[in-house]
Amino acid sequence: MKRIFSVGKGLQVPDATKVFPLFNCLDSTSGLPGDLLNDFSLALGEIEPHHQSKIHIMPLVAQVTFVLGGHLEVWMKDLDGTGPYSLQITAGQAVLTRPGTFLQFRNHTHDPCRVLYIVSPAYVFLMEEGKLIYDDSAVLEEGWEELEKINWKPAKLRSLDLIRKDRQAAKERFFGRAT
């Protein structure tokens, strides 16, 4: 394929950070053909100074968050963990988020933090006419203390079977539109 790929137009995503799709055939904003690279996706992200994302969970995908520039505090609660923990990462360092991990990014500095997101399988994000149809992340309104009080079972998080079904429907809708 004779093509140079560049960072596209960034968009504010539901967790309140900015994402710039790079390689993702399953993201309706990337402009890539639907049959390219189903196994993983790449996107750049930016966490603004003095900003924190909403807590979110990706039930079906794993994500590596690699810091390209800046400093990031990453809060996570693993599927089998008893409570949340914090990791501090800087340029050249990364964290792995497995499916089902609660995740939040915090940038306490005066500079933006730029990250590379590597997701497997490819992240599914489908928007049509400005309306979100499907997102592999469930963005939560609850804070860490509230999530603990409800035993890490937020109402927004549906059963894995329903999520898998919705993800497949979004992929089929996307592929039907892309062909």
Protein backbone atom coordinates (compact mmCIF):
# COMPACT_ATOMS: atom_id res chain seq x y z
CA MET A 1 0.00 0.00 0.00
CA LYS A 2 1.67 3.22 -1.16
CA ARG A 3 0.40 5.67 1.41
CA ILE A 4 1.82 7.88 4.11
CA PHE A 5 -0.30 7.95 7.24
CA SER A 6 -0.55 11.13 9.28
CA VAL A 7 -2.25 12.04 12.50
CA GLY A 8 -5.82 13.01 11.68
CA LYS A 9 -8.08 15.58 13.18
CA GLY A 10 -8.40 15.03 16.90
CA LEU A 11 -11.72 14.55 18.59
CA GLN A 12 -12.88 14.88 22.16
CA VAL A 13 -13.89 11.41 23.28
CA PRO A 14 -16.44 10.56 25.99
CA ASP A 15 -13.78 10.17 28.73
CA ALA A 16 -12.95 13.89 28.22
CA THR A 17 -9.53 13.41 26.58
CA LYS A 18 -8.55 14.08 22.97
CA VAL A 19 -7.75 11.24 20.55
CA PHE A 20 -6.16 11.42 17.10
CA PRO A 21 -6.89 8.19 15.16
CA LEU A 22 -3.88 6.93 13.24
CA PHE A 23 -4.30 3.26 12.27
CA ASN A 24 -7.75 1.89 13.00
CA CYS A 25 -10.03 0.38 10.41
CA LEU A 26 -12.81 0.10 13.02
CA ASP A 27 -12.95 3.78 13.91
CA SER A 28 -15.41 5.72 11.77
CA THR A 29 -13.25 8.84 12.09
CA SER A 30 -9.96 7.31 10.79
CA GLY A 31 -10.78 7.04 7.08
CA LEU A 32 -9.04 3.66 6.70
CA PRO A 33 -10.54 0.79 4.73
CA GLY A 34 -12.54 -1.67 6.84
CA ASP A 35 -10.34 -4.65 6.01
CA LEU A 36 -7.04 -3.18 7.22
CA LEU A 37 -5.44 -4.28 10.52
CA ASN A 38 -8.26 -5.91 12.50
CA ASP A 39 -5.80 -7.24 15.10
CA PHE A 40 -4.76 -3.90 16.59
CA SER A 41 -5.18 -0.16 16.33
CA LEU A 42 -3.00 2.88 17.00
CA ALA A 43 -4.04 6.36 18.04
CA LEU A 44 -2.37 9.36 19.57
CA GLY A 45 -3.91 10.91 22.63
CA GLU A 46 -3.53 14.14 24.50
CA ILE A 47 -4.34 14.80 28.13
CA GLU A 48 -4.51 18.54 28.72
CA PRO A 49 -2.59 20.22 31.57
CA HIS A 50 -4.29 19.95 34.99
CA HIS A 51 -6.89 17.58 33.55
CA GLN A 52 -8.12 14.13 34.42
CA SER A 53 -10.16 11.76 32.32
CA LYS A 54 -13.35 10.22 33.53
CA ILE A 55 -12.97 6.71 34.85
CA HIS A 56 -13.65 4.22 32.09
CA ILE A 57 -13.45 0.52 31.45
CA MET A 58 -12.79 -1.41 28.25
CA PRO A 59 -14.42 -4.81 28.79
CA LEU A 60 -13.19 -6.48 25.58
CA VAL A 61 -9.86 -4.92 24.57
CA ALA A 62 -6.38 -4.56 26.02
CA GLN A 63 -4.56 -1.23 25.77
CA VAL A 64 -0.93 -0.19 26.03
CA THR A 65 -0.60 3.51 26.89
CA PHE A 66 2.87 4.73 25.93
CA VAL A 67 3.89 8.25 26.99
CA LEU A 68 5.53 10.14 24.12
CA GLY A 69 5.97 13.39 26.00
CA GLY A 70 5.05 14.68 29.41
CA HIS A 71 4.10 13.03 32.67
CA LEU A 72 0.99 11.00 33.45
CA GLU A 73 -0.53 9.54 36.57
CA VAL A 74 -2.51 6.42 35.69
CA TRP A 75 -5.11 5.12 38.12
CA MET A 76 -6.26 1.52 37.58
CA LYS A 77 -8.25 -1.15 39.31
CA ASP A 78 -7.61 -4.59 37.84
CA LEU A 79 -10.44 -7.06 37.34
CA ASP A 80 -9.09 -9.29 40.12
CA GLY A 81 -7.64 -6.50 42.29
CA THR A 82 -9.09 -5.38 45.60
CA GLY A 83 -8.74 -1.65 45.03
CA PRO A 84 -7.37 1.07 42.77
CA TYR A 85 -3.69 1.91 42.52
CA SER A 86 -1.67 4.67 40.90
CA LEU A 87 1.35 4.53 38.57
CA GLN A 88 3.47 7.53 37.53
CA ILE A 89 4.83 7.32 33.98
CA THR A 90 6.91 9.67 31.86
CA ALA A 91 8.20 9.80 28.27
CA GLY A 92 9.44 6.40 27.13
CA GLN A 93 7.34 4.44 29.64
CA ALA A 94 4.09 2.53 29.20
CA VAL A 95 1.34 0.75 31.14
CA LEU A 96 -0.80 -2.20 30.08
CA THR A 97 -4.53 -2.19 30.74
CA ARG A 98 -6.14 -5.62 30.40
CA PRO A 99 -9.82 -6.06 29.49
CA GLY A 100 -12.08 -5.24 32.43
CA THR A 101 -9.65 -2.83 34.13
CA PHE A 102 -11.01 0.46 35.47
CA LEU A 103 -8.80 3.27 34.13
CA GLN A 104 -8.27 7.00 34.65
CA PHE A 105 -5.58 9.38 33.38
CA ARG A 106 -4.44 12.43 35.35
CA ASN A 107 -2.09 15.13 34.14
CA HIS A 108 -1.02 17.30 37.09
CA THR A 109 1.55 19.30 35.09
CA HIS A 110 1.48 22.62 33.21
CA ASP A 111 2.13 20.86 29.88
CA PRO A 112 0.01 18.51 27.76
CA CYS A 113 0.84 14.82 27.96
CA ARG A 114 1.01 13.08 24.57
CA VAL A 115 0.48 9.33 24.47
CA LEU A 116 0.31 6.52 21.96
CA TYR A 117 -2.56 4.06 22.44
CA ILE A 118 -1.97 0.54 21.11
CA VAL A 119 -5.15 -1.52 21.39
CA SER A 120 -5.81 -5.19 20.66
CA PRO A 121 -8.04 -6.26 19.04
CA ALA A 122 -8.66 -3.08 17.03
CA TYR A 123 -10.68 -0.52 18.99
CA VAL A 124 -14.25 -0.14 17.74
CA PHE A 125 -15.57 3.42 17.70
CA LEU A 126 -18.58 4.20 15.52
CA MET A 127 -20.13 7.63 15.10
CA GLU A 128 -22.78 8.52 12.57
CA GLU A 129 -23.94 12.06 11.92
CA GLY A 130 -22.33 13.25 15.14
CA LYS A 131 -24.05 10.58 17.25
CA LEU A 132 -22.08 7.92 19.12
CA ILE A 133 -23.31 4.48 18.04
CA TYR A 134 -20.73 2.27 19.77
CA ASP A 135 -17.55 2.78 21.81
CA ASP A 136 -15.33 -0.01 23.23
CA SER A 137 -15.02 2.09 26.40
CA ALA A 138 -17.77 2.43 28.98
CA VAL A 139 -17.25 5.90 30.43
CA LEU A 140 -18.44 6.13 34.01
CA GLU A 141 -19.85 9.01 36.01
CA GLU A 142 -18.90 7.45 39.36
CA GLY A 143 -15.70 8.27 41.22
CA TRP A 144 -13.35 5.71 42.80
CA GLU A 145 -15.02 5.79 46.24
CA GLU A 146 -18.50 5.43 44.78
CA LEU A 147 -17.39 2.51 42.58
CA GLU A 148 -15.98 0.76 45.63
CA LYS A 149 -19.25 1.29 47.53
CA ILE A 150 -21.21 -0.38 44.72
CA ASN A 151 -18.71 -3.27 44.65
CA TRP A 152 -17.27 -2.24 41.26
CA LYS A 153 -20.55 -2.92 39.47
CA PRO A 154 -21.62 0.35 37.79
CA ALA A 155 -25.09 0.38 36.22
CA LYS A 156 -23.62 1.51 32.89
CA LEU A 157 -21.58 -1.68 32.57
CA ARG A 158 -23.78 -4.30 30.94
CA SER A 159 -23.17 -8.02 30.61
CA LEU A 160 -20.23 -9.12 28.49
CA ASP A 161 -22.58 -11.02 26.19
CA LEU A 162 -24.54 -7.83 25.42
CA ILE A 163 -21.35 -5.85 24.92
CA ARG A 164 -19.98 -8.51 22.52
CA LYS A 165 -23.27 -8.46 20.60
CA ASP A 166 -23.27 -4.64 20.34
CA ARG A 167 -19.62 -4.62 19.28
CA GLN A 168 -20.29 -7.15 16.54
CA ALA A 169 -23.33 -5.17 15.34
CA ALA A 170 -21.19 -2.00 15.19
CA LYS A 171 -18.51 -3.83 13.18
CA GLU A 172 -21.11 -5.18 10.77
CA ARG A 173 -22.66 -1.73 10.42
CA PHE A 174 -19.25 -0.23 9.80
CA PHE A 175 -18.22 -2.87 7.25
CA GLY A 176 -21.58 -2.58 5.50
CA ARG A 177 -21.04 1.15 5.17
CA ALA A 178 -17.37 0.85 4.19
CA THR A 179 -17.93 -1.51 1.26
